[in-house]
PDB file of all heavy atoms in Angstrom:
ATOM      1  N   GLN A   1     -22.544 -10.025  -0.576  1.00  0.00           N
ATOM      2  CA  GLN A   1     -22.350 -11.459  -0.823  1.00  0.00           C
ATOM      3  C   GLN A   1     -20.933 -11.920  -0.513  1.00  0.00           C
ATOM      4  O   GLN A   1     -20.727 -13.143  -0.273  1.00  0.00           O
ATOM      5  CB  GLN A   1     -22.589 -11.791  -2.315  1.00  0.00           C
ATOM      6  CG  GLN A   1     -23.996 -11.504  -2.702  1.00  0.00           C
ATOM      7  CD  GLN A   1     -25.104 -12.330  -2.217  1.00  0.00           C
ATOM      8  OE1 GLN A   1     -24.994 -13.581  -2.205  1.00  0.00           O
ATOM      9  NE2 GLN A   1     -26.040 -11.765  -1.571  1.00  0.00           N
ATOM     10  N   ASN A   2     -19.953 -10.949  -0.358  1.00  0.00           N
ATOM     11  CA  ASN A   2     -18.607 -11.329  -0.112  1.00  0.00           C
ATOM     12  C   ASN A   2     -18.322 -11.582   1.317  1.00  0.00           C
ATOM     13  O   ASN A   2     -19.057 -10.995   2.274  1.00  0.00           O
ATOM     14  CB  ASN A   2     -17.679 -10.276  -0.663  1.00  0.00           C
ATOM     15  CG  ASN A   2     -17.678 -10.125  -2.110  1.00  0.00           C
ATOM     16  OD1 ASN A   2     -17.976  -9.056  -2.630  1.00  0.00           O
ATOM     17  ND2 ASN A   2     -17.489 -11.203  -2.847  1.00  0.00           N
ATOM     18  N   THR A   3     -17.398 -12.447   1.621  1.00  0.00           N
ATOM     19  CA  THR A   3     -17.126 -12.843   3.033  1.00  0.00           C
ATOM     20  C   THR A   3     -15.589 -12.653   3.275  1.00  0.00           C
ATOM     21  O   THR A   3     -14.814 -12.443   2.405  1.00  0.00           O
ATOM     22  CB  THR A   3     -17.436 -14.329   3.177  1.00  0.00           C
ATOM     23  OG1 THR A   3     -16.531 -15.118   2.405  1.00  0.00           O
ATOM     24  CG2 THR A   3     -18.867 -14.644   2.890  1.00  0.00           C
ATOM     25  N   GLU A   4     -15.247 -12.802   4.594  1.00  0.00           N
ATOM     26  CA  GLU A   4     -13.852 -12.654   5.001  1.00  0.00           C
ATOM     27  C   GLU A   4     -13.050 -13.833   4.392  1.00  0.00           C
ATOM     28  O   GLU A   4     -11.880 -13.737   3.984  1.00  0.00           O
ATOM     29  CB  GLU A   4     -13.729 -12.667   6.532  1.00  0.00           C
ATOM     30  CG  GLU A   4     -12.315 -12.303   6.989  1.00  0.00           C
ATOM     31  CD  GLU A   4     -12.183 -11.978   8.475  1.00  0.00           C
ATOM     32  OE1 GLU A   4     -13.197 -11.437   8.991  1.00  0.00           O
ATOM     33  OE2 GLU A   4     -11.219 -12.395   9.078  1.00  0.00           O
ATOM     34  N   GLU A   5     -13.762 -15.034   4.192  1.00  0.00           N
ATOM     35  CA  GLU A   5     -13.073 -16.161   3.571  1.00  0.00           C
ATOM     36  C   GLU A   5     -12.698 -15.859   2.097  1.00  0.00           C
ATOM     37  O   GLU A   5     -11.607 -16.170   1.600  1.00  0.00           O
ATOM     38  CB  GLU A   5     -13.960 -17.436   3.579  1.00  0.00           C
ATOM     39  CG  GLU A   5     -14.128 -18.050   4.995  1.00  0.00           C
ATOM     40  CD  GLU A   5     -15.070 -17.193   5.914  1.00  0.00           C
ATOM     41  OE1 GLU A   5     -15.868 -16.404   5.418  1.00  0.00           O
ATOM     42  OE2 GLU A   5     -14.904 -17.381   7.162  1.00  0.00           O
ATOM     43  N   ASP A   6     -13.578 -15.077   1.385  1.00  0.00           N
ATOM     44  CA  ASP A   6     -13.298 -14.649   0.050  1.00  0.00           C
ATOM     45  C   ASP A   6     -12.013 -13.821   0.059  1.00  0.00           C
ATOM     46  O   ASP A   6     -11.087 -14.010  -0.859  1.00  0.00           O
ATOM     47  CB  ASP A   6     -14.456 -13.793  -0.567  1.00  0.00           C
ATOM     48  CG  ASP A   6     -15.728 -14.647  -0.839  1.00  0.00           C
ATOM     49  OD1 ASP A   6     -15.577 -15.805  -0.817  1.00  0.00           O
ATOM     50  OD2 ASP A   6     -16.773 -13.984  -0.955  1.00  0.00           O
ATOM     51  N   VAL A   7     -11.985 -12.831   0.968  1.00  0.00           N
ATOM     52  CA  VAL A   7     -10.834 -11.907   1.012  1.00  0.00           C
ATOM     53  C   VAL A   7      -9.575 -12.667   1.378  1.00  0.00           C
ATOM     54  O   VAL A   7      -8.498 -12.423   0.763  1.00  0.00           O
ATOM     55  CB  VAL A   7     -11.111 -10.805   2.091  1.00  0.00           C
ATOM     56  CG1 VAL A   7      -9.909  -9.920   2.289  1.00  0.00           C
ATOM     57  CG2 VAL A   7     -12.349  -9.945   1.582  1.00  0.00           C
ATOM     58  N   ASP A   8      -9.614 -13.605   2.274  1.00  0.00           N
ATOM     59  CA  ASP A   8      -8.501 -14.360   2.594  1.00  0.00           C
ATOM     60  C   ASP A   8      -7.964 -15.183   1.502  1.00  0.00           C
ATOM     61  O   ASP A   8      -6.677 -15.316   1.271  1.00  0.00           O
ATOM     62  CB  ASP A   8      -8.821 -15.349   3.854  1.00  0.00           C
ATOM     63  CG  ASP A   8      -8.895 -14.561   5.181  1.00  0.00           C
ATOM     64  OD1 ASP A   8      -8.249 -13.546   5.232  1.00  0.00           O
ATOM     65  OD2 ASP A   8      -9.581 -15.058   6.044  1.00  0.00           O
ATOM     66  N   TYR A   9      -8.943 -15.800   0.737  1.00  0.00           N
ATOM     67  CA  TYR A   9      -8.507 -16.503  -0.494  1.00  0.00           C
ATOM     68  C   TYR A   9      -7.768 -15.675  -1.435  1.00  0.00           C
ATOM     69  O   TYR A   9      -6.727 -16.072  -2.105  1.00  0.00           O
ATOM     70  CB  TYR A   9      -9.710 -17.229  -1.131  1.00  0.00           C
ATOM     71  CG  TYR A   9      -9.418 -17.853  -2.464  1.00  0.00           C
ATOM     72  CD1 TYR A   9      -8.648 -19.062  -2.526  1.00  0.00           C
ATOM     73  CD2 TYR A   9      -9.790 -17.262  -3.642  1.00  0.00           C
ATOM     74  CE1 TYR A   9      -8.368 -19.620  -3.767  1.00  0.00           C
ATOM     75  CE2 TYR A   9      -9.414 -17.817  -4.948  1.00  0.00           C
ATOM     76  CZ  TYR A   9      -8.736 -19.016  -4.925  1.00  0.00           C
ATOM     77  OH  TYR A   9      -8.363 -19.576  -6.155  1.00  0.00           O
ATOM     78  N   ILE A  10      -8.295 -14.462  -1.735  1.00  0.00           N
ATOM     79  CA  ILE A  10      -7.635 -13.556  -2.696  1.00  0.00           C
ATOM     80  C   ILE A  10      -6.218 -13.200  -2.156  1.00  0.00           C
ATOM     81  O   ILE A  10      -5.249 -13.167  -2.930  1.00  0.00           O
ATOM     82  CB  ILE A  10      -8.447 -12.287  -2.831  1.00  0.00           C
ATOM     83  CG1 ILE A  10      -9.901 -12.696  -3.506  1.00  0.00           C
ATOM     84  CG2 ILE A  10      -7.708 -11.258  -3.784  1.00  0.00           C
ATOM     85  CD1 ILE A  10     -10.875 -11.535  -3.351  1.00  0.00           C
ATOM     86  N   LEU A  11      -6.164 -12.956  -0.836  1.00  0.00           N
ATOM     87  CA  LEU A  11      -4.813 -12.542  -0.266  1.00  0.00           C
ATOM     88  C   LEU A  11      -3.854 -13.719  -0.265  1.00  0.00           C
ATOM     89  O   LEU A  11      -2.692 -13.555  -0.118  1.00  0.00           O
ATOM     90  CB  LEU A  11      -5.100 -12.058   1.127  1.00  0.00           C
ATOM     91  CG  LEU A  11      -5.721 -10.656   1.165  1.00  0.00           C
ATOM     92  CD1 LEU A  11      -6.252 -10.357   2.565  1.00  0.00           C
ATOM     93  CD2 LEU A  11      -4.808  -9.477   0.778  1.00  0.00           C
ATOM     94  N   GLU A  12      -4.304 -14.987  -0.450  1.00  0.00           N
ATOM     95  CA  GLU A  12      -3.530 -16.131  -0.526  1.00  0.00           C
ATOM     96  C   GLU A  12      -2.833 -16.147  -1.922  1.00  0.00           C
ATOM     97  O   GLU A  12      -1.715 -16.506  -2.044  1.00  0.00           O
ATOM     98  CB  GLU A  12      -4.300 -17.432  -0.396  1.00  0.00           C
ATOM     99  CG  GLU A  12      -4.567 -17.903   1.100  1.00  0.00           C
ATOM    100  CD  GLU A  12      -5.335 -19.189   1.128  1.00  0.00           C
ATOM    101  OE1 GLU A  12      -5.282 -19.936   0.211  1.00  0.00           O
ATOM    102  OE2 GLU A  12      -6.094 -19.353   2.120  1.00  0.00           O
ATOM    103  N   VAL A  13      -3.651 -15.833  -3.004  1.00  0.00           N
ATOM    104  CA  VAL A  13      -3.171 -16.033  -4.343  1.00  0.00           C
ATOM    105  C   VAL A  13      -2.561 -14.691  -4.922  1.00  0.00           C
ATOM    106  O   VAL A  13      -1.656 -14.822  -5.770  1.00  0.00           O
ATOM    107  CB  VAL A  13      -4.286 -16.482  -5.311  1.00  0.00           C
ATOM    108  CG1 VAL A  13      -4.869 -17.831  -4.801  1.00  0.00           C
ATOM    109  CG2 VAL A  13      -5.367 -15.429  -5.379  1.00  0.00           C
ATOM    110  N   LEU A  14      -2.947 -13.603  -4.465  1.00  0.00           N
ATOM    111  CA  LEU A  14      -2.586 -12.308  -5.027  1.00  0.00           C
ATOM    112  C   LEU A  14      -1.003 -12.100  -4.883  1.00  0.00           C
ATOM    113  O   LEU A  14      -0.388 -11.710  -5.999  1.00  0.00           O
ATOM    114  CB  LEU A  14      -3.282 -11.202  -4.488  1.00  0.00           C
ATOM    115  CG  LEU A  14      -2.891  -9.770  -4.933  1.00  0.00           C
ATOM    116  CD1 LEU A  14      -3.323  -9.691  -6.402  1.00  0.00           C
ATOM    117  CD2 LEU A  14      -3.770  -8.616  -4.251  1.00  0.00           C
ATOM    118  N   PRO A  15      -0.383 -12.290  -3.749  1.00  0.00           N
ATOM    119  CA  PRO A  15       1.036 -11.972  -3.654  1.00  0.00           C
ATOM    120  C   PRO A  15       1.825 -12.907  -4.672  1.00  0.00           C
ATOM    121  O   PRO A  15       2.829 -12.419  -5.271  1.00  0.00           O
ATOM    122  CB  PRO A  15       1.429 -12.345  -2.171  1.00  0.00           C
ATOM    123  CG  PRO A  15       0.095 -12.190  -1.427  1.00  0.00           C
ATOM    124  CD  PRO A  15      -0.971 -12.600  -2.510  1.00  0.00           C
ATOM    125  N   GLY A  16       1.500 -14.142  -4.876  1.00  0.00           N
ATOM    126  CA  GLY A  16       2.205 -15.062  -5.784  1.00  0.00           C
ATOM    127  C   GLY A  16       1.983 -14.498  -7.201  1.00  0.00           C
ATOM    128  O   GLY A  16       3.044 -14.617  -8.035  1.00  0.00           O
ATOM    129  N   ILE A  17       0.841 -14.085  -7.554  1.00  0.00           N
ATOM    130  CA  ILE A  17       0.559 -13.560  -8.928  1.00  0.00           C
ATOM    131  C   ILE A  17       1.435 -12.352  -9.247  1.00  0.00           C
ATOM    132  O   ILE A  17       2.092 -12.182 -10.172  1.00  0.00           O
ATOM    133  CB  ILE A  17      -0.909 -13.305  -9.074  1.00  0.00           C
ATOM    134  CG1 ILE A  17      -1.719 -14.551  -9.150  1.00  0.00           C
ATOM    135  CG2 ILE A  17      -1.149 -12.483 -10.469  1.00  0.00           C
ATOM    136  CD1 ILE A  17      -3.234 -14.323  -9.139  1.00  0.00           C
ATOM    137  N   VAL A  18       1.485 -11.427  -8.166  1.00  0.00           N
ATOM    138  CA  VAL A  18       2.313 -10.199  -8.323  1.00  0.00           C
ATOM    139  C   VAL A  18       3.722 -10.530  -8.534  1.00  0.00           C
ATOM    140  O   VAL A  18       4.453 -10.045  -9.375  1.00  0.00           O
ATOM    141  CB  VAL A  18       2.007  -9.224  -7.131  1.00  0.00           C
ATOM    142  CG1 VAL A  18       3.046  -8.135  -7.270  1.00  0.00           C
ATOM    143  CG2 VAL A  18       0.570  -8.756  -7.166  1.00  0.00           C
ATOM    144  N   GLU A  19       4.170 -11.498  -7.674  1.00  0.00           N
ATOM    145  CA  GLU A  19       5.651 -11.899  -7.687  1.00  0.00           C
ATOM    146  C   GLU A  19       5.935 -12.542  -9.078  1.00  0.00           C
ATOM    147  O   GLU A  19       6.966 -12.288  -9.616  1.00  0.00           O
ATOM    148  CB  GLU A  19       5.875 -12.885  -6.627  1.00  0.00           C
ATOM    149  CG  GLU A  19       7.344 -13.244  -6.505  1.00  0.00           C
ATOM    150  CD  GLU A  19       7.651 -14.144  -5.282  1.00  0.00           C
ATOM    151  OE1 GLU A  19       6.726 -14.468  -4.494  1.00  0.00           O
ATOM    152  OE2 GLU A  19       8.738 -14.741  -5.160  1.00  0.00           O
ATOM    153  N   ARG A  20       5.040 -13.330  -9.599  1.00  0.00           N
ATOM    154  CA  ARG A  20       5.288 -14.041 -10.907  1.00  0.00           C
ATOM    155  C   ARG A  20       5.286 -13.018 -12.004  1.00  0.00           C
ATOM    156  O   ARG A  20       6.246 -13.044 -12.871  1.00  0.00           O
ATOM    157  CB  ARG A  20       4.118 -15.037 -11.167  1.00  0.00           C
ATOM    158  CG  ARG A  20       4.175 -15.727 -12.485  1.00  0.00           C
ATOM    159  CD  ARG A  20       3.006 -16.630 -12.676  1.00  0.00           C
ATOM    160  NE  ARG A  20       2.882 -17.120 -14.021  1.00  0.00           N
ATOM    161  CZ  ARG A  20       1.891 -17.807 -14.545  1.00  0.00           C
ATOM    162  NH1 ARG A  20       0.832 -18.059 -13.731  1.00  0.00           N
ATOM    163  NH2 ARG A  20       1.879 -18.115 -15.837  1.00  0.00           N
ATOM    164  N   LEU A  21       4.394 -12.035 -12.038  1.00  0.00           N
ATOM    165  CA  LEU A  21       4.457 -11.008 -13.083  1.00  0.00           C
ATOM    166  C   LEU A  21       5.686 -10.086 -12.968  1.00  0.00           C
ATOM    167  O   LEU A  21       6.204  -9.705 -13.972  1.00  0.00           O
ATOM    168  CB  LEU A  21       3.170 -10.211 -12.953  1.00  0.00           C
ATOM    169  CG  LEU A  21       1.887 -10.922 -13.412  1.00  0.00           C
ATOM    170  CD1 LEU A  21       0.651 -10.028 -13.102  1.00  0.00           C
ATOM    171  CD2 LEU A  21       1.954 -11.376 -14.870  1.00  0.00           C
ATOM    172  N   ARG A  22       6.027  -9.709 -11.798  1.00  0.00           N
ATOM    173  CA  ARG A  22       7.224  -8.951 -11.528  1.00  0.00           C
ATOM    174  C   ARG A  22       8.456  -9.615 -12.014  1.00  0.00           C
ATOM    175  O   ARG A  22       9.519  -8.986 -12.518  1.00  0.00           O
ATOM    176  CB  ARG A  22       7.297  -8.507 -10.075  1.00  0.00           C
ATOM    177  CG  ARG A  22       6.414  -7.349  -9.799  1.00  0.00           C
ATOM    178  CD  ARG A  22       6.511  -6.967  -8.297  1.00  0.00           C
ATOM    179  NE  ARG A  22       5.690  -5.812  -8.074  1.00  0.00           N
ATOM    180  CZ  ARG A  22       5.343  -5.344  -6.852  1.00  0.00           C
ATOM    181  NH1 ARG A  22       5.749  -5.997  -5.712  1.00  0.00           N
ATOM    182  NH2 ARG A  22       4.612  -4.192  -6.689  1.00  0.00           N
ATOM    183  N   SER A  23       8.505 -10.990 -11.832  1.00  0.00           N
ATOM    184  CA  SER A  23       9.694 -11.699 -12.257  1.00  0.00           C
ATOM    185  C   SER A  23       9.988 -11.634 -13.721  1.00  0.00           C
ATOM    186  O   SER A  23      11.097 -11.885 -14.181  1.00  0.00           O
ATOM    187  CB  SER A  23       9.578 -13.252 -11.842  1.00  0.00           C
ATOM    188  OG  SER A  23       8.559 -13.840 -12.619  1.00  0.00           O
ATOM    189  N   MET A  24       8.990 -11.313 -14.551  1.00  0.00           N
ATOM    190  CA  MET A  24       9.048 -11.106 -15.970  1.00  0.00           C
ATOM    191  C   MET A  24       9.560  -9.744 -16.390  1.00  0.00           C
ATOM    192  O   MET A  24       9.775  -9.427 -17.458  1.00  0.00           O
ATOM    193  CB  MET A  24       7.742 -11.412 -16.628  1.00  0.00           C
ATOM    194  CG  MET A  24       7.221 -12.828 -16.321  1.00  0.00           C
ATOM    195  SD  MET A  24       5.545 -12.910 -17.083  1.00  0.00           S
ATOM    196  CE  MET A  24       5.009 -14.497 -16.280  1.00  0.00           C
ATOM    197  N   SER A  25       9.589  -8.809 -15.425  1.00  0.00           N
ATOM    198  CA  SER A  25       9.991  -7.374 -15.744  1.00  0.00           C
ATOM    199  C   SER A  25      11.479  -7.172 -15.609  1.00  0.00           C
ATOM    200  O   SER A  25      12.083  -7.430 -14.582  1.00  0.00           O
ATOM    201  CB  SER A  25       9.169  -6.513 -14.764  1.00  0.00           C
ATOM    202  OG  SER A  25       9.752  -5.211 -14.826  1.00  0.00           O
ATOM    203  N   PRO A  26      12.083  -6.635 -16.681  1.00  0.00           N
ATOM    204  CA  PRO A  26      13.494  -6.400 -16.643  1.00  0.00           C
ATOM    205  C   PRO A  26      13.871  -5.345 -15.548  1.00  0.00           C
ATOM    206  O   PRO A  26      14.953  -5.375 -14.940  1.00  0.00           O
ATOM    207  CB  PRO A  26      13.858  -5.939 -18.065  1.00  0.00           C
ATOM    208  CG  PRO A  26      12.704  -6.412 -18.852  1.00  0.00           C
ATOM    209  CD  PRO A  26      11.468  -6.493 -18.045  1.00  0.00           C
ATOM    210  N   LEU A  27      12.911  -4.341 -15.374  1.00  0.00           N
ATOM    211  CA  LEU A  27      13.160  -3.287 -14.388  1.00  0.00           C
ATOM    212  C   LEU A  27      13.137  -3.843 -13.021  1.00  0.00           C
ATOM    213  O   LEU A  27      13.946  -3.485 -12.132  1.00  0.00           O
ATOM    214  CB  LEU A  27      11.986  -2.164 -14.541  1.00  0.00           C
ATOM    215  CG  LEU A  27      12.206  -1.011 -13.658  1.00  0.00           C
ATOM    216  CD1 LEU A  27      13.561  -0.331 -13.780  1.00  0.00           C
ATOM    217  CD2 LEU A  27      11.099  -0.066 -13.839  1.00  0.00           C
ATOM    218  N   TRP A  28      12.214  -4.840 -12.748  1.00  0.00           N
ATOM    219  CA  TRP A  28      12.184  -5.524 -11.514  1.00  0.00           C
ATOM    220  C   TRP A  28      13.455  -6.200 -11.098  1.00  0.00           C
ATOM    221  O   TRP A  28      13.994  -6.248 -10.009  1.00  0.00           O
ATOM    222  CB  TRP A  28      11.075  -6.477 -11.403  1.00  0.00           C
ATOM    223  CG  TRP A  28      10.888  -7.151 -10.089  1.00  0.00           C
ATOM    224  CD1 TRP A  28      10.934  -8.499  -9.843  1.00  0.00           C
ATOM    225  CD2 TRP A  28      10.514  -6.547  -8.816  1.00  0.00           C
ATOM    226  NE1 TRP A  28      10.724  -8.768  -8.564  1.00  0.00           N
ATOM    227  CE2 TRP A  28      10.402  -7.593  -7.880  1.00  0.00           C
ATOM    228  CE3 TRP A  28      10.308  -5.270  -8.402  1.00  0.00           C
ATOM    229  CZ2 TRP A  28      10.153  -7.395  -6.490  1.00  0.00           C
ATOM    230  CZ3 TRP A  28       9.910  -5.006  -6.975  1.00  0.00           C
ATOM    231  CH2 TRP A  28       9.926  -6.114  -6.183  1.00  0.00           C
ATOM    232  N   GLU A  29      14.132  -6.877 -12.127  1.00  0.00           N
ATOM    233  CA  GLU A  29      15.411  -7.513 -11.949  1.00  0.00           C
ATOM    234  C   GLU A  29      16.454  -6.508 -11.461  1.00  0.00           C
ATOM    235  O   GLU A  29      17.305  -6.890 -10.655  1.00  0.00           O
ATOM    236  CB  GLU A  29      15.799  -8.221 -13.232  1.00  0.00           C
ATOM    237  CG  GLU A  29      14.968  -9.420 -13.559  1.00  0.00           C
ATOM    238  CD  GLU A  29      15.412 -10.054 -14.916  1.00  0.00           C
ATOM    239  OE1 GLU A  29      16.523  -9.694 -15.395  1.00  0.00           O
ATOM    240  OE2 GLU A  29      14.675 -10.935 -15.455  1.00  0.00           O
ATOM    241  N   LYS A  30      16.426  -5.337 -12.157  1.00  0.00           N
ATOM    242  CA  LYS A  30      17.433  -4.322 -11.811  1.00  0.00           C
ATOM    243  C   LYS A  30      17.223  -3.799 -10.367  1.00  0.00           C
ATOM    244  O   LYS A  30      18.120  -3.495  -9.614  1.00  0.00           O
ATOM    245  CB  LYS A  30      17.309  -3.183 -12.728  1.00  0.00           C
ATOM    246  CG  LYS A  30      17.874  -3.480 -14.085  1.00  0.00           C
ATOM    247  CD  LYS A  30      17.800  -2.281 -15.106  1.00  0.00           C
ATOM    248  CE  LYS A  30      18.282  -2.669 -16.511  1.00  0.00           C
ATOM    249  NZ  LYS A  30      18.178  -1.475 -17.451  1.00  0.00           N
ATOM    250  N   ILE A  31      15.882  -3.659  -9.876  1.00  0.00           N
ATOM    251  CA  ILE A  31      15.553  -3.293  -8.523  1.00  0.00           C
ATOM    252  C   ILE A  31      16.136  -4.238  -7.614  1.00  0.00           C
ATOM    253  O   ILE A  31      16.842  -3.872  -6.562  1.00  0.00           O
ATOM    254  CB  ILE A  31      14.054  -3.156  -8.411  1.00  0.00           C
ATOM    255  CG1 ILE A  31      13.469  -2.047  -9.231  1.00  0.00           C
ATOM    256  CG2 ILE A  31      13.677  -3.015  -6.871  1.00  0.00           C
ATOM    257  CD1 ILE A  31      13.691  -0.640  -8.734  1.00  0.00           C
ATOM    258  N   LEU A  32      15.963  -5.572  -7.816  1.00  0.00           N
ATOM    259  CA  LEU A  32      16.385  -6.588  -6.940  1.00  0.00           C
ATOM    260  C   LEU A  32      17.980  -6.613  -6.894  1.00  0.00           C
ATOM    261  O   LEU A  32      18.553  -6.919  -5.800  1.00  0.00           O
ATOM    262  CB  LEU A  32      15.878  -7.983  -7.462  1.00  0.00           C
ATOM    263  CG  LEU A  32      14.475  -8.228  -7.268  1.00  0.00           C
ATOM    264  CD1 LEU A  32      14.045  -9.582  -7.790  1.00  0.00           C
ATOM    265  CD2 LEU A  32      13.946  -8.083  -5.805  1.00  0.00           C
ATOM    266  N   ALA A  33      18.606  -6.351  -8.030  1.00  0.00           N
ATOM    267  CA  ALA A  33      20.084  -6.300  -8.135  1.00  0.00           C
ATOM    268  C   ALA A  33      20.652  -4.997  -7.544  1.00  0.00           C
ATOM    269  O   ALA A  33      21.927  -4.943  -7.468  1.00  0.00           O
ATOM    270  CB  ALA A  33      20.407  -6.533  -9.537  1.00  0.00           C
ATOM    271  N   GLY A  34      19.755  -4.043  -7.182  1.00  0.00           N
ATOM    272  CA  GLY A  34      20.257  -2.789  -6.671  1.00  0.00           C
ATOM    273  C   GLY A  34      20.874  -1.945  -7.719  1.00  0.00           C
ATOM    274  O   GLY A  34      21.631  -0.947  -7.430  1.00  0.00           O
ATOM    275  N   GLN A  35      20.567  -2.242  -9.034  1.00  0.00           N
ATOM    276  CA  GLN A  35      21.182  -1.398 -10.080  1.00  0.00           C
ATOM    277  C   GLN A  35      20.345  -0.136 -10.425  1.00  0.00           C
ATOM    278  O   GLN A  35      20.805   0.762 -11.114  1.00  0.00           O
ATOM    279  CB  GLN A  35      21.238  -2.238 -11.364  1.00  0.00           C
ATOM    280  CG  GLN A  35      22.204  -3.388 -11.261  1.00  0.00           C
ATOM    281  CD  GLN A  35      22.091  -4.332 -12.497  1.00  0.00           C
ATOM    282  OE1 GLN A  35      21.373  -4.089 -13.478  1.00  0.00           O
ATOM    283  NE2 GLN A  35      22.678  -5.499 -12.385  1.00  0.00           N
ATOM    284  N   THR A  36      19.193  -0.042  -9.883  1.00  0.00           N
ATOM    285  CA  THR A  36      18.335   1.148 -10.096  1.00  0.00           C
ATOM    286  C   THR A  36      17.472   1.345  -8.839  1.00  0.00           C
ATOM    287  O   THR A  36      17.210   0.385  -8.079  1.00  0.00           O
ATOM    288  CB  THR A  36      17.488   1.121 -11.324  1.00  0.00           C
ATOM    289  OG1 THR A  36      16.821   2.376 -11.482  1.00  0.00           O
ATOM    290  CG2 THR A  36      16.431   0.034 -11.200  1.00  0.00           C
ATOM    291  N   SER A  37      16.979   2.528  -8.540  1.00  0.00           N
ATOM    292  CA  SER A  37      16.135   2.741  -7.384  1.00  0.00           C
ATOM    293  C   SER A  37      14.704   2.514  -7.721  1.00  0.00           C
ATOM    294  O   SER A  37      14.221   2.619  -8.878  1.00  0.00           O
ATOM    295  CB  SER A  37      16.346   4.221  -6.878  1.00  0.00           C
ATOM    296  OG  SER A  37      15.866   5.097  -7.731  1.00  0.00           O
ATOM    297  N   TYR A  38      13.885   2.367  -6.692  1.00  0.00           N
ATOM    298  CA  TYR A  38      12.473   2.211  -6.820  1.00  0.00           C
ATOM    299  C   TYR A  38      11.732   3.450  -7.493  1.00  0.00           C
ATOM    300  O   TYR A  38      10.988   3.324  -8.335  1.00  0.00           O
ATOM    301  CB  TYR A  38      11.778   1.910  -5.409  1.00  0.00           C
ATOM    302  CG  TYR A  38      10.340   2.004  -5.346  1.00  0.00           C
ATOM    303  CD1 TYR A  38       9.479   1.378  -6.215  1.00  0.00           C
ATOM    304  CD2 TYR A  38       9.785   2.838  -4.428  1.00  0.00           C
ATOM    305  CE1 TYR A  38       8.092   1.456  -6.106  1.00  0.00           C
ATOM    306  CE2 TYR A  38       8.398   3.027  -4.300  1.00  0.00           C
ATOM    307  CZ  TYR A  38       7.612   2.333  -5.201  1.00  0.00           C
ATOM    308  OH  TYR A  38       6.250   2.458  -5.128  1.00  0.00           O
ATOM    309  N   GLU A  39      12.278   4.605  -7.043  1.00  0.00           N
ATOM    310  CA  GLU A  39      11.674   5.850  -7.512  1.00  0.00           C
ATOM    311  C   GLU A  39      12.187   6.075  -8.936  1.00  0.00           C
ATOM    312  O   GLU A  39      11.671   6.765  -9.632  1.00  0.00           O
ATOM    313  CB  GLU A  39      12.105   7.006  -6.630  1.00  0.00           C
ATOM    314  CG  GLU A  39      11.481   6.921  -5.145  1.00  0.00           C
ATOM    315  CD  GLU A  39       9.867   6.942  -5.194  1.00  0.00           C
ATOM    316  OE1 GLU A  39       9.338   7.507  -6.066  1.00  0.00           O
ATOM    317  OE2 GLU A  39       9.374   6.218  -4.279  1.00  0.00           O
TER     318      GLU A  39
END
């Protein structure tokens, strides 16, 4: 039942949701600031 349009819609909203949730993470802030490594 799923279409390429369905997948495109999810890919429109998913990056923003991930970015929003990561912005709430103290660890993510340290990653962006270069204070700790990804690993």
